Protein backbone atom coordinates (compact mmCIF):
# COMPACT_ATOMS: atom_id res chain seq x y z
CA MET A 1 -16.96 -7.96 8.49
CA SER A 2 -13.33 -7.07 9.13
CA LYS A 3 -11.27 -8.63 11.91
CA ILE A 4 -8.69 -6.39 13.58
CA PHE A 5 -6.13 -7.66 16.09
CA GLY A 6 -3.70 -5.60 18.19
CA PHE A 7 -4.73 -2.18 16.93
CA ARG A 8 -7.57 0.33 16.75
CA PRO A 9 -7.46 2.18 13.40
CA GLN A 10 -8.24 5.84 12.93
CA ALA A 11 -11.78 6.70 11.80
CA ALA A 12 -10.68 7.45 8.21
CA THR A 13 -8.87 4.11 7.99
CA GLN A 14 -11.88 2.24 9.39
CA GLN A 15 -14.10 3.92 6.79
CA LEU A 16 -11.70 2.80 4.02
CA ILE A 17 -11.84 -0.78 5.33
CA ASP A 18 -15.65 -0.72 5.44
CA LYS A 19 -15.85 0.81 1.96
CA PHE A 20 -13.49 -1.86 0.58
CA GLU A 21 -15.60 -4.68 2.03
CA LYS A 22 -18.88 -3.18 0.79
CA GLU A 23 -17.82 -2.15 -2.72
CA VAL A 24 -15.11 -4.49 -3.97
CA LEU A 25 -16.52 -7.42 -5.92
CA ILE A 26 -14.18 -9.38 -8.19
CA ARG A 27 -14.46 -12.23 -10.67
CA HIS A 28 -12.16 -15.20 -10.14
CA ASN A 29 -12.54 -18.52 -12.01
CA ASN A 30 -15.98 -17.44 -13.26
CA GLN A 31 -17.24 -16.77 -9.73
CA GLN A 32 -18.03 -13.50 -8.00
CA LEU A 33 -16.06 -12.98 -4.82
CA VAL A 34 -16.30 -10.45 -1.99
CA GLY A 35 -13.43 -9.62 0.33
CA THR A 36 -13.09 -9.70 4.09
CA VAL A 37 -10.20 -7.71 5.58
CA TYR A 38 -8.08 -9.13 8.41
CA ILE A 39 -5.55 -6.92 10.19
CA ASP A 40 -2.87 -8.20 12.58
CA MET A 41 -0.57 -5.58 14.08
CA GLN A 42 2.30 -7.00 16.08
CA ASP A 43 5.32 -5.12 17.39
CA ASP A 44 7.72 -6.54 14.81
CA ARG A 45 5.43 -7.23 11.81
CA TRP A 46 2.28 -5.62 10.46
CA ALA A 47 -0.06 -7.62 8.24
CA VAL A 48 -3.20 -6.98 6.21
CA ALA A 49 -4.92 -9.94 4.59
CA VAL A 50 -7.92 -10.09 2.30
CA ALA A 51 -9.87 -13.34 2.07
CA TYR A 52 -12.06 -13.37 -1.01
CA ASN A 53 -15.11 -15.61 -0.56
CA TYR A 54 -18.01 -16.66 -2.73
CA THR A 55 -21.05 -14.40 -2.69
CA ARG A 56 -23.36 -17.36 -2.24
CA LYS A 57 -23.96 -19.07 1.08
CA PRO A 58 -21.33 -21.65 2.07
CA GLY A 59 -22.03 -25.26 1.25
CA LEU A 60 -21.58 -28.39 3.32
CA HIS A 61 -17.89 -27.75 3.85
CA GLY A 62 -18.36 -24.27 5.31
CA HIS A 63 -16.47 -21.19 4.23
CA GLU A 64 -14.01 -21.48 1.40
CA ASN A 65 -11.40 -18.92 0.44
CA PRO A 66 -10.74 -19.37 -3.26
CA LEU A 67 -8.40 -16.37 -3.20
CA GLU A 68 -6.30 -15.00 -0.37
CA VAL A 69 -3.97 -12.02 -0.44
CA ARG A 70 -1.55 -10.97 2.31
CA TYR A 71 0.48 -7.79 2.70
CA SER A 72 3.17 -7.84 5.39
CA TYR A 73 5.63 -5.23 6.57
CA PRO A 74 8.59 -6.07 8.84
CA VAL A 75 8.78 -2.95 11.02
CA GLN A 76 12.41 -3.12 12.20
CA GLU A 77 13.84 -4.18 8.84
CA ASN A 78 11.99 -1.47 6.88
CA THR A 79 12.68 -3.40 3.67
CA GLY A 80 9.36 -2.78 1.98
CA VAL A 81 6.04 -4.56 1.80
CA GLN A 82 5.77 -8.23 0.87
CA MET A 83 2.64 -9.33 -1.03
CA PHE A 84 1.47 -12.95 -1.33
CA ARG A 85 -1.38 -14.07 -3.63
CA SER A 86 -2.72 -17.60 -3.33
CA ASP A 87 -3.79 -17.84 -6.98
CA SER A 88 -0.23 -17.51 -8.21
CA ALA A 89 1.33 -18.96 -5.01
CA SER A 90 4.06 -16.38 -5.19
CA GLU A 91 5.36 -13.63 -2.98
CA LYS A 92 6.79 -10.41 -4.29
CA ALA A 93 8.31 -7.29 -2.81
CA LEU A 94 6.59 -3.95 -3.34
CA LYS A 95 8.65 -0.79 -3.32
CA THR A 96 7.39 1.84 -0.92
CA GLU A 97 8.59 4.73 1.14
CA PRO A 98 9.06 3.92 4.84
CA LEU A 99 5.59 3.74 6.35
CA LYS A 100 5.19 6.12 9.27
CA ASP A 101 2.46 4.28 11.16
CA ARG A 102 0.05 1.38 11.14
CA ASP A 103 -2.78 3.37 9.55
CA ALA A 104 -0.51 4.35 6.66
CA PHE A 105 0.31 0.67 6.11
CA ILE A 106 -3.36 -0.36 6.11
CA ARG A 107 -4.22 2.40 3.65
CA PHE A 108 -1.28 1.41 1.42
CA ALA A 109 -2.32 -2.26 1.39
CA LEU A 110 -5.97 -1.53 0.59
CA MET A 111 -5.11 1.00 -2.11
CA GLN A 112 -2.66 -1.47 -3.65
CA GLU A 113 -5.31 -4.20 -3.66
CA CYS A 114 -7.87 -1.82 -5.20
CA SER A 115 -5.44 -0.98 -7.98
CA ILE A 116 -4.86 -4.68 -8.68
CA VAL A 117 -8.55 -5.57 -8.83
CA GLY A 118 -9.35 -2.44 -10.82
CA ARG A 119 -11.41 -0.51 -8.29
CA ALA A 120 -11.04 2.98 -6.86
CA ALA A 121 -11.07 3.25 -3.09
């Protein structure tokens, strides 16, 4: 179930988030993982993170996130979207047009993640 802080998304954006969480299933290190979307909208930086977790119930150590992805957008700088993936431990800049609002950023991040994992949103 998604976690959203500092913002209430439009209905179409909320549907895209729900669809992503229900339909995206990836393989990583021979395990099936499902994603949980986290959204944090602050005045100066917007962020969308996806924590991919095992499909089985957590073990003795609780929840594990074998793969985490974060998209961030510095609003005032308008320099583009930064993407971090924990499997490669690298951050890269993604070219994009200036994003007009928070919903557009959320949709961009989820569509980008769908294209990377090979799913249509």
